[in-house]
């Protein structure tokens, strides 16, 4: 009888352990979990179809301060511009293919990261498939376009303020999210 109760109790504990309904949003914990897991090009010559910005507000080599927080540890971080490209940037909402909760207003993907890109910008509400691979479960997913910004996008190197790890070739920031270091 005691053995049966012990087995029944252990089985119940295992069943209940799988019933955690907490659905907290995904927050990257390691630098390899966001935007650095892909093989990022190391210079503008490797960017293929991207159009290099001729006169960007922040030329390559400029030291800037990041004013947005796409990921923990970005806001107010010092960064160096390593690429500047003319394109259309989109914020998007999507359901990651890895089962994580829906991500709303994710910034930014660009025209060059959309399957079957158009010669003209997509519009708010359009559903497209992205080739971007900066977040787990992002690549190959259908995304809904939330905002459209013809702009210069910047690739930067910065040091994460939460763990002091260098993030190389972070994609993408736009001019509104950067200020020149004084």
Protein backbone atom coordinates (compact mmCIF):
# COMPACT_ATOMS: atom_id res chain seq x y z
CA UNK A 1 0.00 0.00 0.00
CA UNK A 2 2.79 2.45 0.95
CA UNK A 3 4.62 1.61 -2.26
CA UNK A 4 1.47 2.29 -4.33
CA UNK A 5 0.90 5.64 -2.60
CA UNK A 6 4.53 6.60 -3.14
CA UNK A 7 4.33 5.78 -6.86
CA UNK A 8 0.98 7.58 -7.17
CA UNK A 9 2.41 10.66 -5.40
CA UNK A 10 5.50 10.75 -7.62
CA UNK A 11 3.39 10.39 -10.77
CA UNK A 12 1.09 13.22 -9.63
CA UNK A 13 4.06 15.48 -8.96
CA UNK A 14 5.43 14.84 -12.45
CA UNK A 15 2.08 15.55 -14.07
CA UNK A 16 1.59 18.78 -12.13
CA UNK A 17 5.13 19.94 -12.92
CA UNK A 18 4.18 20.03 -16.61
CA UNK A 19 1.19 22.30 -15.95
CA UNK A 20 3.11 25.57 -15.63
CA UNK A 21 1.01 28.04 -17.57
CA UNK A 22 3.30 31.02 -17.15
CA UNK A 23 3.78 32.62 -20.56
CA UNK A 24 6.48 35.16 -19.93
CA UNK A 25 7.84 36.93 -22.98
CA UNK A 26 11.12 35.79 -24.45
CA UNK A 27 14.03 37.79 -23.12
CA UNK A 28 17.48 36.85 -24.39
CA UNK A 29 19.87 35.89 -21.62
CA UNK A 30 23.06 35.36 -23.56
CA UNK A 31 24.66 37.38 -26.31
CA UNK A 32 24.34 34.34 -28.57
CA UNK A 33 20.56 34.43 -28.20
CA UNK A 34 19.97 37.64 -30.11
CA UNK A 35 21.27 39.12 -33.29
CA UNK A 36 24.74 37.64 -32.96
CA UNK A 37 23.95 34.00 -33.63
CA UNK A 38 23.98 34.43 -37.38
CA UNK A 39 27.13 34.77 -39.44
CA UNK A 40 27.15 38.51 -39.94
CA UNK A 41 29.23 40.04 -42.69
CA UNK A 42 32.32 41.78 -41.38
CA UNK A 43 32.46 44.58 -43.93
CA UNK A 44 30.33 46.41 -46.47
CA UNK A 45 31.82 44.47 -49.39
CA UNK A 46 30.14 41.31 -48.07
CA UNK A 47 26.65 42.84 -47.94
CA UNK A 48 25.64 41.78 -51.46
CA UNK A 49 22.36 43.41 -52.49
CA UNK A 50 22.46 46.17 -49.87
CA UNK A 51 22.90 49.76 -51.10
CA UNK A 52 25.69 51.51 -49.22
CA UNK A 53 24.57 54.93 -47.94
CA UNK A 54 26.52 57.66 -49.74
CA UNK A 55 26.26 60.40 -47.10
CA UNK A 56 24.92 58.85 -43.89
CA UNK A 57 24.35 61.01 -40.82
CA UNK A 58 26.69 58.63 -38.97
CA UNK A 59 29.57 57.50 -41.26
CA UNK A 60 31.44 54.25 -40.64
CA UNK A 61 33.73 54.60 -37.63
CA UNK A 62 31.52 57.17 -35.87
CA UNK A 63 31.00 56.58 -32.16
CA UNK A 64 27.34 56.89 -31.17
CA UNK A 65 25.10 56.28 -28.18
CA UNK A 66 22.15 53.90 -28.67
CA UNK A 67 18.90 55.47 -27.47
CA UNK A 68 16.62 52.46 -27.97
CA UNK A 69 16.42 49.09 -26.28
CA UNK A 70 15.78 46.41 -28.88
CA UNK A 71 17.46 44.03 -26.41
CA UNK A 72 18.44 44.31 -22.77
CA UNK A 73 21.74 46.11 -22.38
CA UNK A 74 21.47 48.29 -25.49
CA UNK A 75 19.99 51.54 -24.21
CA UNK A 76 22.68 54.17 -23.58
CA UNK A 77 25.42 51.80 -24.77
CA UNK A 78 28.32 53.28 -26.70
CA UNK A 79 28.51 51.86 -30.23
CA UNK A 80 30.65 52.15 -33.34
CA UNK A 81 29.04 52.37 -36.77
CA UNK A 82 30.31 49.50 -38.96
CA UNK A 83 27.78 49.75 -41.81
CA UNK A 84 25.24 52.22 -43.21
CA UNK A 85 22.71 51.26 -45.90
CA UNK A 86 19.83 52.93 -47.76
CA UNK A 87 16.70 50.77 -47.62
CA UNK A 88 13.21 50.50 -46.23
CA UNK A 89 13.01 49.39 -42.59
CA UNK A 90 9.95 47.66 -41.17
CA UNK A 91 8.78 46.92 -37.67
CA UNK A 92 6.90 43.64 -37.67
CA UNK A 93 4.78 41.32 -35.57
CA UNK A 94 5.29 37.56 -35.87
CA UNK A 95 4.85 34.21 -34.16
CA UNK A 96 8.28 32.56 -33.85
CA UNK A 97 8.53 29.11 -35.42
CA UNK A 98 10.07 27.73 -32.20
CA UNK A 99 6.82 28.03 -30.21
CA UNK A 100 7.72 31.19 -28.30
CA UNK A 101 4.92 33.76 -27.75
CA UNK A 102 4.09 36.26 -30.49
CA UNK A 103 6.52 39.17 -30.76
CA UNK A 104 4.91 42.54 -31.45
CA UNK A 105 6.48 45.54 -33.17
CA UNK A 106 9.93 43.95 -33.54
CA UNK A 107 12.43 46.44 -34.95
CA UNK A 108 13.85 46.20 -37.69
CA UNK A 109 13.84 44.03 -40.76
CA UNK A 110 14.72 45.55 -44.13
CA UNK A 111 13.63 45.04 -47.75
CA UNK A 112 16.66 42.85 -48.43
CA UNK A 113 15.48 40.43 -45.71
CA UNK A 114 12.06 39.82 -47.26
CA UNK A 115 11.39 36.89 -49.59
CA UNK A 116 10.22 38.18 -52.98
CA UNK A 117 11.06 41.78 -52.12
CA UNK A 118 9.21 44.43 -54.15
CA UNK A 119 10.60 47.33 -56.13
CA UNK A 120 8.38 49.51 -53.93
CA UNK A 121 7.94 49.43 -50.16
CA UNK A 122 5.45 47.08 -48.62
CA UNK A 123 2.56 48.65 -46.71
CA UNK A 124 1.33 48.46 -43.13
CA UNK A 125 -0.70 45.27 -42.74
CA UNK A 126 1.07 43.35 -45.52
CA UNK A 127 2.10 39.81 -44.64
CA UNK A 128 5.52 38.74 -45.92
CA UNK A 129 8.11 36.07 -45.18
CA UNK A 130 11.45 37.12 -43.71
CA UNK A 131 14.91 35.66 -44.17
CA UNK A 132 16.22 37.55 -41.11
CA UNK A 133 17.79 35.25 -38.53
CA UNK A 134 18.46 37.54 -35.59
CA UNK A 135 15.98 36.11 -33.10
CA UNK A 136 15.22 32.46 -32.36
CA UNK A 137 12.37 31.28 -34.59
CA UNK A 138 12.42 34.35 -36.85
CA UNK A 139 13.88 33.04 -40.11
CA UNK A 140 11.31 31.82 -42.61
CA UNK A 141 8.32 33.07 -40.62
CA UNK A 142 5.43 35.11 -41.92
CA UNK A 143 5.49 38.60 -40.44
CA UNK A 144 2.91 41.36 -40.46
CA UNK A 145 4.28 44.81 -41.26
CA UNK A 146 3.46 47.35 -38.53
CA UNK A 147 5.47 50.40 -39.69
CA UNK A 148 7.32 51.38 -42.87
CA UNK A 149 10.40 53.65 -42.77
CA UNK A 150 12.43 54.52 -45.89
CA UNK A 151 15.71 55.37 -44.15
CA UNK A 152 19.37 54.70 -43.56
CA UNK A 153 19.87 51.65 -41.38
CA UNK A 154 23.01 51.12 -39.34
CA UNK A 155 24.97 48.06 -38.33
CA UNK A 156 26.92 48.63 -35.11
CA UNK A 157 29.34 47.06 -32.67
CA UNK A 158 28.56 47.74 -29.00
CA UNK A 159 29.19 46.39 -25.51
CA UNK A 160 26.13 44.99 -23.73
CA UNK A 161 25.74 46.95 -20.49
CA UNK A 162 24.25 43.96 -18.62
CA UNK A 163 27.12 41.52 -19.17
CA UNK A 164 29.99 43.55 -20.71
CA UNK A 165 30.08 41.28 -23.78
CA UNK A 166 30.83 42.74 -27.19
CA UNK A 167 28.04 42.45 -29.74
CA UNK A 168 29.40 42.63 -33.29
CA UNK A 169 27.53 43.64 -36.43
CA UNK A 170 24.21 44.27 -34.68
CA UNK A 171 21.45 44.80 -37.26
CA UNK A 172 19.55 47.25 -37.44
CA UNK A 173 19.27 50.68 -35.88
CA UNK A 174 17.86 53.78 -37.57
CA UNK A 175 18.98 57.40 -37.22
CA UNK A 176 16.26 58.24 -34.66
CA UNK A 177 17.72 55.60 -32.33
CA UNK A 178 21.26 57.00 -32.30
CA UNK A 179 23.00 60.15 -31.18
CA UNK A 180 26.60 61.11 -31.84
CA UNK A 181 28.84 60.75 -28.81
CA UNK A 182 29.98 64.15 -27.54
